[in-house]
């Protein structure tokens, strides 16, 4: 799976949990889930679960703590798929 496909799948997941005041167009690689995208911690857990399902990977608590930005999520997905 190429990087573009991974990114598109991740954006599709994140888009579901964006609050009304944040547009999908606001999502960038360096976007922080909580500070920039206003995603609350409960929805962040849902994003983690959706990422696990979509990419058929298991994320540990350590991975979840490191997943602060969209780029972090991509790096963790790449590591788990390697």
Protein backbone atom coordinates (compact mmCIF):
# COMPACT_ATOMS: atom_id res chain seq x y z
CA UNK A 1 0.00 0.00 0.00
CA UNK A 2 1.51 3.34 -1.03
CA UNK A 3 1.78 6.44 1.15
CA UNK A 4 -0.98 8.30 -0.69
CA UNK A 5 -3.45 5.46 -0.11
CA UNK A 6 -2.56 5.28 3.59
CA UNK A 7 -2.96 9.04 3.94
CA UNK A 8 -6.35 9.01 2.16
CA UNK A 9 -7.62 6.18 4.37
CA UNK A 10 -6.46 7.99 7.50
CA UNK A 11 -8.08 11.27 6.43
CA UNK A 12 -11.34 9.43 5.74
CA UNK A 13 -11.25 8.07 9.32
CA UNK A 14 -10.35 11.43 10.90
CA UNK A 15 -13.02 13.30 8.89
CA UNK A 16 -15.75 11.32 10.67
CA UNK A 17 -14.70 12.71 14.06
CA UNK A 18 -14.06 16.35 13.16
CA UNK A 19 -16.21 18.87 15.03
CA UNK A 20 -18.41 21.15 12.94
CA UNK A 21 -15.99 24.08 13.22
CA UNK A 22 -13.14 22.16 11.56
CA UNK A 23 -13.07 21.37 7.83
CA UNK A 24 -11.48 18.31 6.29
CA UNK A 25 -9.43 20.84 4.29
CA UNK A 26 -7.82 21.92 7.58
CA UNK A 27 -6.15 18.51 7.98
CA UNK A 28 -2.41 18.61 7.27
CA UNK A 29 0.43 16.22 8.07
CA UNK A 30 1.52 18.37 11.02
CA UNK A 31 -2.04 18.81 12.36
CA UNK A 32 -2.28 17.95 16.05
CA UNK A 33 -5.42 15.90 16.70
CA UNK A 34 -6.45 17.77 19.86
CA UNK A 35 -4.88 21.23 19.49
CA UNK A 36 -5.43 21.83 15.75
CA UNK A 37 -8.36 19.58 14.82
CA UNK A 38 -10.28 19.92 18.12
CA UNK A 39 -10.78 16.17 18.38
CA UNK A 40 -11.62 15.19 21.96
CA UNK A 41 -9.91 12.29 23.73
CA UNK A 42 -12.94 9.98 23.42
CA UNK A 43 -13.02 10.47 19.66
CA UNK A 44 -9.27 9.99 19.51
CA UNK A 45 -9.79 6.52 21.00
CA UNK A 46 -12.37 5.86 18.27
CA UNK A 47 -9.87 6.97 15.63
CA UNK A 48 -7.31 4.53 17.03
CA UNK A 49 -9.86 1.69 16.89
CA UNK A 50 -10.82 2.60 13.32
CA UNK A 51 -7.14 2.73 12.29
CA UNK A 52 -6.64 -0.74 13.75
CA UNK A 53 -9.60 -2.07 11.77
CA UNK A 54 -8.79 -0.27 8.52
CA UNK A 55 -5.12 -1.25 8.44
CA UNK A 56 -5.50 -4.62 10.23
CA UNK A 57 -2.94 -3.70 12.90
CA UNK A 58 -2.86 -3.65 16.70
CA UNK A 59 -1.80 -0.45 18.46
CA UNK A 60 -0.29 -0.61 21.93
CA UNK A 61 -0.85 2.04 24.62
CA UNK A 62 2.63 3.34 23.83
CA UNK A 63 1.62 3.85 20.17
CA UNK A 64 -1.52 5.71 21.20
CA UNK A 65 0.47 8.05 23.43
CA UNK A 66 2.84 8.83 20.53
CA UNK A 67 -0.02 9.50 18.10
CA UNK A 68 -0.31 13.26 18.51
CA UNK A 69 -0.36 14.40 14.87
CA UNK A 70 -1.50 13.05 11.52
CA UNK A 71 2.15 12.43 10.61
CA UNK A 72 2.66 10.48 13.86
CA UNK A 73 -0.28 8.27 12.91
CA UNK A 74 1.17 7.61 9.44
CA UNK A 75 4.57 6.72 10.94
CA UNK A 76 2.99 4.33 13.44
CA UNK A 77 0.90 2.70 10.69
CA UNK A 78 4.05 2.30 8.55
CA UNK A 79 5.94 0.73 11.47
CA UNK A 80 3.12 -1.73 12.20
CA UNK A 81 2.74 -2.69 8.54
CA UNK A 82 6.50 -3.21 8.05
